[in-house]
């Protein structure tokens, strides 16, 4: 087995164990930590398989955006100590059946797929997809300039090819930031409301105590 195969097996095992930790953990913060390892492991698998853009998008969007929003949402909306989550036996049964069916479907799909054949051409990338989304038709140059590497033209078009996907990622991150700001603002409003309520109660208690103190000498 090659080094890439060993790394794939190790990272896939870490992802599987982390996914089980997300499902089996009863504390939501621990779930978030296990989910962090899962998402990072999936990004490493993308990098290992040659899908650099998917790996970068996985790290930026899911690890840097969605997971951070989840953690901040839990931290900002928690009113007291976090309770342990308990799963009913019926929920375990339904989840196990669905997971087993999905595993069987994936196994059957992989079994029916033909074995990949080695090709002489370059490795497929996401640049043609990005160019297609931008409406640019990629053409293969007939000859390369002297003194330049063969992939110099593709490297020059790479930022253009990734323009639209990166714009989509930036919009997603903007939505995440707006959601985090909204949660923080709602938390501040709740704290101010609770503080004003406690202040009103203390003022009422002080006014009631002063009234009772003033009425006591009149009775004597």
Protein backbone atom coordinates (compact mmCIF):
# COMPACT_ATOMS: atom_id res chain seq x y z
CA UNK A 1 0.00 0.00 0.00
CA UNK A 2 1.29 3.45 -0.92
CA UNK A 3 1.66 6.38 1.45
CA UNK A 4 -1.45 8.06 0.07
CA UNK A 5 -3.44 4.88 0.67
CA UNK A 6 -2.25 4.68 4.28
CA UNK A 7 -3.11 8.34 4.86
CA UNK A 8 -6.55 7.81 3.34
CA UNK A 9 -7.28 4.86 5.64
CA UNK A 10 -6.07 6.74 8.74
CA UNK A 11 -8.00 9.93 7.96
CA UNK A 12 -11.13 7.95 7.04
CA UNK A 13 -10.93 6.08 10.36
CA UNK A 14 -10.59 9.38 12.25
CA UNK A 15 -13.61 10.77 10.39
CA UNK A 16 -15.67 7.66 11.19
CA UNK A 17 -14.76 7.74 14.90
CA UNK A 18 -15.48 11.47 15.09
CA UNK A 19 -18.85 10.99 13.40
CA UNK A 20 -19.71 8.32 15.97
CA UNK A 21 -18.67 10.77 18.69
CA UNK A 22 -21.09 13.36 17.29
CA UNK A 23 -23.93 10.85 17.35
CA UNK A 24 -23.18 9.21 20.70
CA UNK A 25 -22.20 12.29 22.72
CA UNK A 26 -24.84 13.75 25.05
CA UNK A 27 -23.21 17.16 25.58
CA UNK A 28 -23.70 19.69 22.81
CA UNK A 29 -20.26 21.29 23.25
CA UNK A 30 -18.58 17.88 22.96
CA UNK A 31 -20.69 17.25 19.88
CA UNK A 32 -19.31 20.46 18.37
CA UNK A 33 -15.73 19.35 19.12
CA UNK A 34 -16.31 15.94 17.52
CA UNK A 35 -17.94 17.68 14.56
CA UNK A 36 -14.83 19.84 14.20
CA UNK A 37 -12.64 16.74 13.85
CA UNK A 38 -15.12 15.25 11.37
CA UNK A 39 -15.23 18.30 9.11
CA UNK A 40 -11.45 18.79 9.20
CA UNK A 41 -10.97 15.11 8.34
CA UNK A 42 -13.31 15.39 5.37
CA UNK A 43 -11.37 18.45 4.17
CA UNK A 44 -8.12 16.48 4.45
CA UNK A 45 -9.67 13.70 2.36
CA UNK A 46 -10.56 16.26 -0.31
CA UNK A 47 -6.99 17.55 -0.32
CA UNK A 48 -5.64 14.01 -0.49
CA UNK A 49 -7.85 13.18 -3.49
CA UNK A 50 -6.69 16.25 -5.39
CA UNK A 51 -9.81 18.41 -4.91
CA UNK A 52 -8.06 21.44 -3.44
CA UNK A 53 -10.97 23.82 -3.94
CA UNK A 54 -13.45 21.51 -2.22
CA UNK A 55 -11.05 21.10 0.70
CA UNK A 56 -10.57 24.86 1.02
CA UNK A 57 -14.33 25.44 0.79
CA UNK A 58 -14.88 22.77 3.45
CA UNK A 59 -12.45 24.50 5.80
CA UNK A 60 -13.73 28.02 5.13
CA UNK A 61 -17.47 27.42 5.02
CA UNK A 62 -18.14 24.53 7.40
CA UNK A 63 -15.25 24.72 9.86
CA UNK A 64 -14.76 28.49 9.82
CA UNK A 65 -18.39 29.50 9.36
CA UNK A 66 -21.11 27.02 10.24
CA UNK A 67 -19.34 25.36 13.17
CA UNK A 68 -18.30 28.72 14.66
CA UNK A 69 -21.89 29.95 14.33
CA UNK A 70 -23.13 26.81 16.10
CA UNK A 71 -20.70 27.25 19.00
CA UNK A 72 -21.43 30.96 19.36
CA UNK A 73 -25.16 30.29 19.18
CA UNK A 74 -24.91 27.78 22.02
CA UNK A 75 -22.72 30.10 24.10
CA UNK A 76 -24.91 33.18 23.58
CA UNK A 77 -28.33 31.56 23.99
CA UNK A 78 -27.59 29.28 26.95
CA UNK A 79 -29.50 30.56 30.00
CA UNK A 80 -28.03 28.11 32.48
CA UNK A 81 -25.91 24.97 32.68
CA UNK A 82 -26.15 22.83 29.58
CA UNK A 83 -28.23 19.70 30.00
CA UNK A 84 -27.31 16.30 28.69
CA UNK A 85 -29.27 15.20 25.64
CA UNK A 86 -31.00 11.84 25.89
CA UNK A 87 -32.08 9.81 22.87
CA UNK A 88 -35.14 7.58 23.01
CA UNK A 89 -34.79 3.91 21.98
CA UNK A 90 -37.20 4.47 19.08
CA UNK A 91 -34.98 7.24 17.74
CA UNK A 92 -31.94 4.96 17.97
CA UNK A 93 -33.83 2.28 16.03
CA UNK A 94 -34.94 4.66 13.27
CA UNK A 95 -31.46 6.17 12.97
CA UNK A 96 -29.81 2.74 12.86
CA UNK A 97 -32.16 1.52 10.13
CA UNK A 98 -31.60 4.62 7.99
CA UNK A 99 -27.82 4.44 8.48
CA UNK A 100 -27.80 0.75 7.54
CA UNK A 101 -29.83 1.38 4.39
CA UNK A 102 -27.50 4.22 3.40
CA UNK A 103 -24.45 2.01 4.01
CA UNK A 104 -25.92 -0.77 1.86
CA UNK A 105 -26.71 1.72 -0.91
CA UNK A 106 -23.18 3.13 -0.91
CA UNK A 107 -21.65 -0.36 -0.84
CA UNK A 108 -23.78 -1.53 -3.77
CA UNK A 109 -22.92 1.60 -5.75
CA UNK A 110 -19.20 1.13 -5.16
CA UNK A 111 -19.45 -2.56 -6.07
CA UNK A 112 -21.13 -1.85 -9.40
CA UNK A 113 -18.79 0.97 -10.42
CA UNK A 114 -16.05 -0.07 -12.86
CA UNK A 115 -12.50 0.06 -11.64
CA UNK A 116 -10.77 3.32 -12.64
CA UNK A 117 -8.25 3.10 -15.43
CA UNK A 118 -5.03 5.08 -15.46
CA UNK A 119 -5.06 7.92 -17.98
CA UNK A 120 -2.20 9.73 -19.61
CA UNK A 121 -3.95 13.10 -19.63
CA UNK A 122 -3.84 15.65 -16.80
CA UNK A 123 -5.79 15.17 -13.61
CA UNK A 124 -9.32 16.61 -13.69
CA UNK A 125 -9.79 19.80 -11.74
CA UNK A 126 -12.52 22.26 -10.87
CA UNK A 127 -11.23 25.02 -13.16
CA UNK A 128 -13.35 23.92 -16.18
CA UNK A 129 -16.44 23.85 -13.97
CA UNK A 130 -15.76 27.36 -12.73
CA UNK A 131 -15.14 28.62 -16.26
CA UNK A 132 -18.38 27.03 -17.38
CA UNK A 133 -20.31 28.76 -14.61
CA UNK A 134 -18.79 32.06 -15.70
CA UNK A 135 -19.72 31.42 -19.33
CA UNK A 136 -16.11 31.06 -20.49
CA UNK A 137 -15.29 28.17 -22.79
CA UNK A 138 -11.92 26.60 -22.07
CA UNK A 139 -9.75 25.88 -25.07
CA UNK A 140 -6.65 23.72 -25.05
CA UNK A 141 -3.64 25.61 -26.43
CA UNK A 142 -2.02 24.02 -29.46
CA UNK A 143 1.50 24.96 -28.41
CA UNK A 144 3.13 26.44 -25.36
CA UNK A 145 5.49 29.37 -25.24
CA UNK A 146 9.16 28.61 -24.93
CA UNK A 147 10.62 28.96 -21.47
CA UNK A 148 7.24 28.60 -19.68
CA UNK A 149 5.78 25.50 -18.04
CA UNK A 150 3.03 23.65 -19.83
CA UNK A 151 0.40 24.53 -17.21
CA UNK A 152 1.21 28.25 -17.09
CA UNK A 153 -1.95 29.21 -18.98
CA UNK A 154 -4.14 27.14 -16.68
CA UNK A 155 -2.48 28.64 -13.64
CA UNK A 156 -3.18 32.10 -15.03
CA UNK A 157 -6.87 31.26 -15.45
CA UNK A 158 -7.25 29.61 -12.04
CA UNK A 159 -8.33 32.76 -10.11
CA UNK A 160 -10.94 33.46 -12.79
CA UNK A 161 -12.20 29.89 -12.65
CA UNK A 162 -12.70 30.08 -8.90
CA UNK A 163 -14.33 33.53 -8.93
CA UNK A 164 -17.98 32.47 -8.80
CA UNK A 165 -17.55 29.70 -6.17
CA UNK A 166 -15.60 32.09 -3.95
CA UNK A 167 -18.35 34.69 -4.32
CA UNK A 168 -20.88 32.09 -3.17
CA UNK A 169 -18.66 31.23 -0.20
CA UNK A 170 -18.33 34.93 0.70
CA UNK A 171 -22.13 35.35 0.66
CA UNK A 172 -22.46 32.32 2.92
CA UNK A 173 -19.92 33.74 5.37
CA UNK A 174 -21.77 37.07 5.31
CA UNK A 175 -24.98 35.28 6.29
CA UNK A 176 -23.09 33.53 9.11
CA UNK A 177 -21.77 36.86 10.43
CA UNK A 178 -25.23 38.44 10.29
CA UNK A 179 -26.68 35.48 12.18
CA UNK A 180 -23.99 35.69 14.87
CA UNK A 181 -24.58 39.45 15.24
CA UNK A 182 -28.33 38.88 15.53
CA UNK A 183 -27.86 36.26 18.23
CA UNK A 184 -25.50 38.52 20.15
CA UNK A 185 -27.93 41.44 19.88
CA UNK A 186 -30.85 39.31 21.08
CA UNK A 187 -28.73 38.16 24.02
CA UNK A 188 -27.90 41.77 24.96
CA UNK A 189 -31.56 42.75 24.79
CA UNK A 190 -32.49 39.85 27.05
CA UNK A 191 -29.80 40.78 29.58
CA UNK A 192 -30.92 44.41 29.60
CA UNK A 193 -34.55 43.38 30.05
CA UNK A 194 -33.67 41.13 32.96
CA UNK A 195 -31.54 43.87 34.52
CA UNK A 196 -34.35 46.43 34.18
CA UNK A 197 -36.86 43.97 35.66
CA UNK A 198 -34.61 43.29 38.65
CA UNK A 199 -34.07 47.04 39.09
CA UNK A 200 -37.82 47.68 39.07
CA UNK A 201 -38.36 44.93 41.62
CA UNK A 202 -35.66 46.34 43.88
CA UNK A 203 -37.16 49.83 43.59
CA UNK A 204 -40.61 48.51 44.44
CA UNK A 205 -39.20 46.63 47.41
CA UNK A 206 -37.41 49.75 48.66
CA UNK A 207 -40.50 51.91 48.23
CA UNK A 208 -42.63 49.34 50.04
CA UNK A 209 -40.14 49.14 52.89
CA UNK A 210 -40.04 52.93 53.23
CA UNK A 211 -43.85 53.09 53.22
CA UNK A 212 -44.09 50.49 55.95
CA UNK A 213 -41.40 52.26 57.96
CA UNK A 214 -43.29 55.58 57.71
CA UNK A 215 -46.62 54.04 58.63
CA UNK A 216 -45.30 52.38 61.79
CA UNK A 217 -44.83 55.63 63.88
CA UNK A 218 -48.34 56.84 62.95
CA UNK A 219 -49.85 53.72 64.46
CA UNK A 220 -47.92 54.25 67.69
